[in-house]
Amino acid sequence: MLTATLFPGRYLQGDGAFSRLGGELARFGKKGLAILAPSAEKDLCGALQAQAASVRLETERFNRECSDTEIARLFAKGRHARAAFVVGVGGGKTIDTAKIAADRLGVPVAVVPTIASTDAPCSSCAVIYNDRGEVAKVAYQRRNPDLVLVDTRIIARAPVRFLVAGMGDALATRFEAEACRQSRANNEAGALGSLTAYALARLCYDTLLEYGVAAKVSCEAGAITPALEHIVEANTLLSGLGFESGGLAAAHSIHNGLTVLPQTHGYYHGEKVAVGVLASLFLTDKPRALIDEVYGFCEAVGLPTTLTNIGLSGASRDDLQKVAERACIPGESIHHEPVQLSPALVIDALLTADGEGRRRKGGTTGG
């Protein structure tokens, strides 16, 4: 039996962590390529240059989509600059693009999340989208990021919706890792998960339930509290370690399926993953008490609980058929579930999850 547990090289989190960035980057070399999300370029470019005064940084604005075209463009920029390292500053797609570009350049990568909306920062894998905004493939890098630096002051200034979406992504971690444990399916490293991975996945879930609401309130106030720190850690580190080393299953496959419908493209990754989690509860026959607990959490923090909440009001069965067929293609992580699944069952689970969400809202036509 072979298990694999993957970690970033160094993880730093806290109020003012950004002030450590220059010294950390200096460990990697004297010249680097900084890839910045548009908002990060606007708000942090000057501070980044000041912090990294001991190294030379060539900055490049990210074009918003982690696509083959954008990856090739930034790889060429890094090669031309002879970058000794890459630093990605922004959200999940910016970070994923920086990870892939660094891997192709064969240099270290540092990631500086400006939002806590996904578990991308700590992982060695990245999601590549096509020009239509649909998930095209997952790319695996040779190693995890060498540095993950999370300044919670920056996170607290971001819109609260990002933090809540990150909780949706993190919500899947426990259920998907547990599915892989039960079915003895491989994790994202191509081996079985470890006790460490499964324990961190469960800790991620427990942290969400304990601190999620208080963290949302803190973020709405632009305030840093222990609850906010705990949820940022859950969204970023615990979920990142838990999904990569524990494994993925139905929730992320359903997310991937949902991306084939253009109506969902205005919604965040974690919001669609949350819908995948709710559907997976019915796919795998979870007990009523657990279903109530998960729906209650989603309602308390403001995650989607109906198809209408992700732009699919009145979605036809043909639409859901497209979602389900994409979710069930060979090689998708939905096949890690310890039960036999099919597109027809995914459609029924999505309709049931939507119906339960509407029932709890007290309506019958979506909400």
Protein backbone atom coordinates (compact mmCIF):
# COMPACT_ATOMS: atom_id res chain seq x y z
CA MET A 1 0.00 0.00 0.00
CA LEU A 2 1.40 3.36 -1.07
CA THR A 3 0.11 6.63 0.37
CA ALA A 4 1.10 10.13 -0.69
CA THR A 5 0.70 13.41 1.19
CA LEU A 6 1.66 16.66 -0.51
CA PHE A 7 2.50 20.01 1.09
CA PRO A 8 3.64 23.45 -0.07
CA GLY A 9 7.24 24.32 0.73
CA ARG A 10 6.28 27.05 3.21
CA TYR A 11 2.95 28.48 4.35
CA LEU A 12 2.74 31.92 6.00
CA GLN A 13 -0.55 33.48 7.12
CA GLY A 14 -1.51 36.49 9.20
CA ASP A 15 -2.12 40.22 9.40
CA GLY A 16 0.83 41.93 7.71
CA ALA A 17 2.30 38.76 6.19
CA PHE A 18 2.84 40.69 2.93
CA SER A 19 5.76 42.47 4.60
CA ARG A 20 7.64 39.15 4.59
CA LEU A 21 7.36 38.69 0.83
CA GLY A 22 10.60 40.38 -0.25
CA GLY A 23 12.77 38.31 2.03
CA GLU A 24 11.00 35.12 0.99
CA LEU A 25 11.40 35.84 -2.73
CA ALA A 26 15.10 36.56 -2.27
CA ARG A 27 15.54 32.88 -1.38
CA PHE A 28 14.59 31.96 -4.95
CA GLY A 29 16.83 34.27 -6.95
CA LYS A 30 17.49 37.85 -7.99
CA LYS A 31 15.00 38.22 -10.83
CA GLY A 32 11.41 37.06 -11.15
CA LEU A 33 8.18 37.36 -13.10
CA ALA A 34 5.17 38.62 -11.12
CA ILE A 35 1.75 37.72 -12.57
CA LEU A 36 -0.93 39.96 -11.09
CA ALA A 37 -4.69 39.80 -11.32
CA PRO A 38 -6.13 43.13 -12.54
CA SER A 39 -7.29 44.09 -9.05
CA ALA A 40 -3.92 43.14 -7.56
CA GLU A 41 -2.12 45.19 -10.20
CA LYS A 42 -4.25 48.18 -9.24
CA ASP A 43 -3.98 47.81 -5.46
CA LEU A 44 -0.73 46.00 -4.74
CA CYS A 45 1.75 46.52 -7.57
CA GLY A 46 3.50 49.43 -5.85
CA ALA A 47 3.65 47.63 -2.51
CA LEU A 48 4.93 44.50 -4.25
CA GLN A 49 7.78 46.38 -5.89
CA ALA A 50 8.64 48.06 -2.57
CA GLN A 51 8.61 44.78 -0.66
CA ALA A 52 10.69 43.05 -3.30
CA ALA A 53 13.31 45.80 -3.53
CA SER A 54 16.08 43.24 -3.07
CA VAL A 55 15.05 41.43 -6.27
CA ARG A 56 14.13 42.56 -9.78
CA LEU A 57 10.50 41.90 -10.69
CA GLU A 58 9.02 42.11 -14.14
CA THR A 59 5.26 42.46 -13.68
CA GLU A 60 2.61 41.20 -16.05
CA ARG A 61 -1.16 41.60 -15.89
CA PHE A 62 -3.18 38.38 -15.94
CA ASN A 63 -5.85 38.21 -18.64
CA ARG A 64 -8.49 36.65 -16.34
CA GLU A 65 -8.62 33.11 -17.76
CA CYS A 66 -6.35 30.15 -17.01
CA SER A 67 -6.26 28.97 -20.62
CA ASP A 68 -3.63 27.39 -22.84
CA THR A 69 -3.26 30.71 -24.68
CA GLU A 70 -2.63 32.73 -21.51
CA ILE A 71 -0.27 30.12 -20.08
CA ALA A 72 1.79 30.13 -23.28
CA ARG A 73 1.93 33.94 -23.27
CA LEU A 74 3.19 34.14 -19.70
CA PHE A 75 5.63 31.29 -20.17
CA ALA A 76 7.14 33.24 -23.06
CA LYS A 77 7.35 36.36 -20.88
CA GLY A 78 9.14 34.45 -18.14
CA ARG A 79 11.58 32.84 -20.55
CA HIS A 80 12.38 36.17 -22.20
CA ALA A 81 12.93 37.75 -18.77
CA ARG A 82 15.11 34.81 -17.67
CA ALA A 83 13.05 34.68 -14.51
CA ALA A 84 14.54 32.68 -11.64
CA PHE A 85 11.09 32.41 -10.05
CA VAL A 86 7.44 33.27 -10.64
CA VAL A 87 5.09 34.92 -8.15
CA GLY A 88 1.32 34.86 -8.69
CA VAL A 89 -0.78 37.51 -6.91
CA GLY A 90 -4.57 37.26 -7.12
CA GLY A 91 -7.33 34.67 -7.12
CA GLY A 92 -7.42 31.01 -8.06
CA LYS A 93 -7.07 31.37 -11.84
CA THR A 94 -4.15 33.77 -11.50
CA ILE A 95 -2.46 31.40 -9.08
CA ASP A 96 -3.07 28.32 -11.24
CA THR A 97 -1.62 30.10 -14.27
CA ALA A 98 1.46 31.14 -12.29
CA LYS A 99 1.95 27.56 -11.08
CA ILE A 100 1.84 26.14 -14.59
CA ALA A 101 4.09 28.84 -16.07
CA ALA A 102 6.67 28.28 -13.32
CA ASP A 103 6.56 24.53 -13.81
CA ARG A 104 7.18 24.88 -17.54
CA LEU A 105 10.03 27.30 -16.85
CA GLY A 106 11.47 24.90 -14.28
CA VAL A 107 11.64 27.57 -11.55
CA PRO A 108 10.14 28.01 -8.05
CA VAL A 109 6.71 29.58 -7.65
CA ALA A 110 5.36 31.76 -4.85
CA VAL A 111 1.64 32.42 -4.56
CA VAL A 112 0.02 35.37 -2.80
CA PRO A 113 -3.77 34.96 -2.65
CA THR A 114 -5.71 38.20 -2.46
CA ILE A 115 -8.97 36.35 -1.79
CA ALA A 116 -9.76 33.15 0.09
CA SER A 117 -12.15 31.80 -2.52
CA THR A 118 -10.54 28.47 -3.48
CA ASP A 119 -8.03 25.90 -2.28
CA ALA A 120 -5.77 26.44 -5.32
CA PRO A 121 -2.84 28.14 -3.52
CA CYS A 122 -1.34 25.07 -1.84
CA SER A 123 -1.85 22.44 -4.53
CA SER A 124 0.34 21.18 -7.35
CA CYS A 125 -2.59 20.81 -9.73
CA ALA A 126 -4.35 23.52 -11.71
CA VAL A 127 -7.58 23.72 -13.71
CA ILE A 128 -7.30 24.87 -17.32
CA TYR A 129 -10.38 26.33 -19.01
CA ASN A 130 -11.18 26.66 -22.70
CA ASP A 131 -12.10 29.95 -24.36
CA ARG A 132 -15.80 29.27 -23.64
CA GLY A 133 -15.15 29.23 -19.89
CA GLU A 134 -15.64 25.47 -19.57
CA VAL A 135 -13.28 23.19 -17.63
CA ALA A 136 -10.99 21.65 -20.25
CA LYS A 137 -8.44 19.67 -18.22
CA VAL A 138 -6.41 19.50 -15.04
CA ALA A 139 -2.66 20.08 -15.22
CA TYR A 140 -0.32 18.57 -12.63
CA GLN A 141 2.92 20.29 -11.73
CA ARG A 142 6.07 18.52 -10.61
CA ARG A 143 5.88 20.04 -7.14
CA ASN A 144 3.68 22.11 -4.91
CA PRO A 145 4.21 25.87 -4.58
CA ASP A 146 7.44 26.74 -2.85
CA LEU A 147 5.77 29.54 -0.89
CA VAL A 148 2.16 30.36 -0.01
CA LEU A 149 1.85 33.75 1.67
CA VAL A 150 -1.60 34.84 2.88
CA ASP A 151 -2.05 38.31 4.36
CA THR A 152 -5.39 38.28 6.15
CA ARG A 153 -5.56 42.10 6.07
CA ILE A 154 -5.76 41.84 2.28
CA ILE A 155 -8.35 39.04 2.52
CA ALA A 156 -10.49 41.08 4.93
CA ARG A 157 -10.64 43.97 2.45
CA ALA A 158 -12.00 41.77 -0.35
CA PRO A 159 -15.75 41.35 -0.96
CA VAL A 160 -17.23 38.83 1.46
CA ARG A 161 -18.68 36.78 -1.39
CA PHE A 162 -15.17 35.50 -2.15
CA LEU A 163 -14.71 34.21 1.40
CA VAL A 164 -18.11 32.51 1.31
CA ALA A 165 -17.33 30.90 -2.05
CA GLY A 166 -14.12 29.58 -0.52
CA MET A 167 -16.18 27.94 2.20
CA GLY A 168 -18.20 26.24 -0.54
CA ASP A 169 -15.05 24.82 -2.08
CA ALA A 170 -13.78 23.75 1.33
CA LEU A 171 -17.13 22.17 2.21
CA ALA A 172 -16.49 19.45 -0.36
CA THR A 173 -13.18 18.39 1.20
CA ARG A 174 -14.53 16.15 3.94
CA PHE A 175 -17.07 14.39 1.74
CA GLU A 176 -14.76 13.78 -1.20
CA ALA A 177 -11.84 12.57 0.92
CA GLU A 178 -14.19 10.24 2.80
CA ALA A 179 -15.50 8.85 -0.49
CA CYS A 180 -11.95 8.12 -1.63
CA ARG A 181 -11.13 6.50 1.70
CA GLN A 182 -14.16 4.21 1.48
CA SER A 183 -13.58 3.22 -2.14
CA ARG A 184 -9.77 3.16 -1.81
CA ALA A 185 -9.55 5.53 -4.76
CA ASN A 186 -6.35 7.39 -5.50
CA ASN A 187 -5.83 11.00 -4.48
CA GLU A 188 -4.52 13.74 -6.78
CA ALA A 189 -0.98 12.39 -6.35
CA GLY A 190 -1.97 9.00 -7.77
CA ALA A 191 -1.76 7.11 -4.48
CA LEU A 192 -3.97 6.38 -1.49
CA GLY A 193 -4.63 9.12 1.01
CA SER A 194 -2.92 9.12 4.38
CA LEU A 195 -4.36 9.34 7.87
CA THR A 196 -3.01 12.89 7.91
CA ALA A 197 -4.97 13.82 4.79
CA TYR A 198 -8.24 12.35 6.03
CA ALA A 199 -7.85 13.99 9.44
CA LEU A 200 -7.17 17.39 7.86
CA ALA A 201 -10.22 16.99 5.60
CA ARG A 202 -12.42 16.38 8.63
CA LEU A 203 -10.80 19.27 10.52
CA CYS A 204 -11.59 21.49 7.54
CA TYR A 205 -15.30 20.63 7.81
CA ASP A 206 -15.42 21.07 11.58
CA THR A 207 -13.70 24.46 11.28
CA LEU A 208 -16.26 25.65 8.73
CA LEU A 209 -19.18 24.72 10.97
CA GLU A 210 -17.61 26.27 14.07
CA TYR A 211 -16.29 29.56 12.66
CA GLY A 212 -17.94 30.15 9.27
CA VAL A 213 -20.67 32.55 10.33
CA ALA A 214 -18.41 34.60 12.61
CA ALA A 215 -15.76 34.82 9.89
CA LYS A 216 -18.33 36.12 7.42
CA VAL A 217 -19.41 38.79 9.91
CA SER A 218 -15.76 39.77 10.44
CA CYS A 219 -15.11 40.04 6.72
CA GLU A 220 -18.24 42.14 6.21
CA ALA A 221 -16.81 44.55 8.80
CA GLY A 222 -13.33 44.47 7.25
CA ALA A 223 -12.08 43.14 10.58
CA ILE A 224 -9.54 40.47 11.44
CA THR A 225 -10.58 38.07 14.18
CA PRO A 226 -9.49 34.57 15.18
CA ALA A 227 -12.61 33.26 13.41
CA LEU A 228 -11.56 34.91 10.15
CA GLU A 229 -8.03 33.54 10.49
CA HIS A 230 -9.43 30.04 11.08
CA ILE A 231 -11.67 30.17 8.01
CA VAL A 232 -8.93 31.57 5.79
CA GLU A 233 -6.77 28.66 6.93
CA ALA A 234 -9.59 26.20 6.30
CA ASN A 235 -10.34 27.57 2.82
CA THR A 236 -6.69 27.74 1.81
CA LEU A 237 -4.50 25.28 3.70
CA LEU A 238 -6.79 22.61 5.17
CA SER A 239 -8.89 22.31 2.04
CA GLY A 240 -5.84 22.40 -0.19
CA LEU A 241 -4.09 19.62 1.69
CA GLY A 242 -7.32 17.68 2.17
CA PHE A 243 -8.45 17.63 -1.44
CA GLU A 244 -5.06 16.96 -3.00
CA SER A 245 -3.88 14.33 -0.55
CA GLY A 246 -7.32 12.97 0.37
CA GLY A 247 -8.85 12.96 -3.09
CA LEU A 248 -11.75 14.34 -5.10
CA ALA A 249 -15.14 12.79 -5.86
CA ALA A 250 -18.66 13.81 -6.93
CA ALA A 251 -18.85 17.46 -5.88
CA HIS A 252 -16.05 18.68 -8.14
CA SER A 253 -17.20 16.54 -11.06
CA ILE A 254 -20.65 18.11 -10.80
CA HIS A 255 -18.98 21.53 -10.70
CA ASN A 256 -17.15 20.65 -13.90
CA GLY A 257 -20.44 19.60 -15.44
CA LEU A 258 -22.13 22.83 -14.43
CA THR A 259 -19.50 24.85 -16.32
CA VAL A 260 -20.90 23.60 -19.65
CA LEU A 261 -23.95 25.82 -19.12
CA PRO A 262 -23.12 29.48 -19.87
CA GLN A 263 -25.74 30.61 -17.32
CA THR A 264 -23.39 29.47 -14.52
CA HIS A 265 -20.31 31.36 -15.69
CA GLY A 266 -21.07 34.39 -13.55
CA TYR A 267 -20.89 32.29 -10.40
CA TYR A 268 -17.73 31.36 -8.52
CA HIS A 269 -16.07 27.97 -8.41
CA GLY A 270 -16.94 27.39 -4.75
CA GLU A 271 -20.57 28.36 -5.27
CA LYS A 272 -20.96 25.67 -7.92
CA VAL A 273 -18.99 23.18 -5.83
CA ALA A 274 -21.43 23.77 -2.97
CA VAL A 275 -24.31 22.73 -5.25
CA GLY A 276 -22.24 19.67 -6.13
CA VAL A 277 -21.87 18.87 -2.43
CA LEU A 278 -25.63 19.10 -1.86
CA ALA A 279 -26.34 16.84 -4.83
CA SER A 280 -23.71 14.36 -3.62
CA LEU A 281 -25.53 14.01 -0.29
CA PHE A 282 -28.46 12.49 -2.13
CA LEU A 283 -26.32 10.54 -4.60
CA THR A 284 -24.65 8.71 -1.73
CA ASP A 285 -27.65 8.36 0.60
CA LYS A 286 -26.36 10.44 3.49
CA PRO A 287 -28.42 10.43 6.72
CA ARG A 288 -31.08 13.08 7.27
CA ALA A 289 -29.23 14.70 10.16
CA LEU A 290 -26.15 15.29 8.02
CA ILE A 291 -28.22 16.68 5.15
CA ASP A 292 -29.87 19.13 7.54
CA GLU A 293 -26.48 20.11 8.97
CA VAL A 294 -24.97 20.87 5.56
CA TYR A 295 -28.00 22.76 4.27
CA GLY A 296 -28.14 24.72 7.53
CA PHE A 297 -24.50 25.73 7.14
CA CYS A 298 -25.00 26.82 3.53
CA GLU A 299 -28.04 28.88 4.49
CA ALA A 300 -26.23 30.48 7.43
CA VAL A 301 -23.26 31.70 5.40
CA GLY A 302 -25.10 32.39 2.15
CA LEU A 303 -24.00 29.56 -0.13
CA PRO A 304 -26.33 28.43 -2.94
CA THR A 305 -28.93 25.80 -2.05
CA THR A 306 -30.98 25.84 -5.27
CA LEU A 307 -30.26 25.77 -8.98
CA THR A 308 -31.71 29.27 -9.24
CA ASN A 309 -28.91 30.46 -6.95
CA ILE A 310 -26.36 29.59 -9.69
CA GLY A 311 -28.32 30.99 -12.62
CA LEU A 312 -30.30 27.89 -13.55
CA SER A 313 -33.85 28.98 -12.84
CA GLY A 314 -36.08 26.87 -15.02
CA ALA A 315 -33.20 24.73 -16.30
CA SER A 316 -34.53 22.02 -18.59
CA ARG A 317 -33.84 18.35 -18.22
CA ASP A 318 -31.83 18.59 -21.45
CA ASP A 319 -29.62 21.20 -19.76
CA LEU A 320 -29.12 18.96 -16.74
CA GLN A 321 -28.39 16.04 -19.08
CA LYS A 322 -25.43 18.03 -20.46
CA VAL A 323 -24.23 18.72 -16.92
CA ALA A 324 -24.57 15.08 -15.87
CA GLU A 325 -22.88 13.67 -18.94
CA ARG A 326 -19.90 15.98 -18.45
CA ALA A 327 -19.73 15.09 -14.76
CA CYS A 328 -19.60 11.38 -15.58
CA ILE A 329 -17.05 11.26 -18.39
CA PRO A 330 -14.35 8.59 -17.98
CA GLY A 331 -11.59 9.72 -15.65
CA GLU A 332 -13.76 12.17 -13.72
CA SER A 333 -13.47 12.04 -9.93
CA ILE A 334 -17.17 11.20 -9.51
CA HIS A 335 -16.14 7.61 -10.17
CA HIS A 336 -14.22 7.68 -6.85
CA GLU A 337 -17.53 7.46 -5.01
CA PRO A 338 -18.13 4.09 -3.32
CA VAL A 339 -21.38 3.64 -5.30
CA GLN A 340 -22.18 3.11 -8.98
CA LEU A 341 -23.24 6.37 -10.61
CA SER A 342 -24.69 7.39 -13.96
CA PRO A 343 -25.83 10.61 -15.64
CA ALA A 344 -29.46 9.74 -14.86
CA LEU A 345 -28.66 9.47 -11.16
CA VAL A 346 -26.78 12.78 -11.22
CA ILE A 347 -29.78 14.52 -12.79
CA ASP A 348 -32.07 13.07 -10.12
CA ALA A 349 -29.68 14.15 -7.36
CA LEU A 350 -29.47 17.71 -8.73
CA LEU A 351 -33.26 17.94 -8.93
CA THR A 352 -33.61 16.54 -5.42
CA ALA A 353 -30.98 18.89 -3.99
CA ASP A 354 -32.74 21.81 -5.68
CA GLY A 355 -36.11 20.64 -4.38
CA GLU A 356 -34.79 20.36 -0.84
CA GLY A 357 -33.31 23.84 -1.04
CA ARG A 358 -36.63 25.25 -2.26
CA ARG A 359 -38.56 23.34 0.40
CA ARG A 360 -36.39 24.82 3.13
CA LYS A 361 -36.89 28.29 1.70
CA GLY A 362 -40.64 27.69 1.83
CA GLY A 363 -41.16 28.00 -1.93
CA THR A 364 -41.86 25.75 -4.87
CA THR A 365 -40.41 27.61 -7.87
CA GLY A 366 -36.81 28.22 -6.86
CA GLY A 367 -35.12 30.93 -4.83
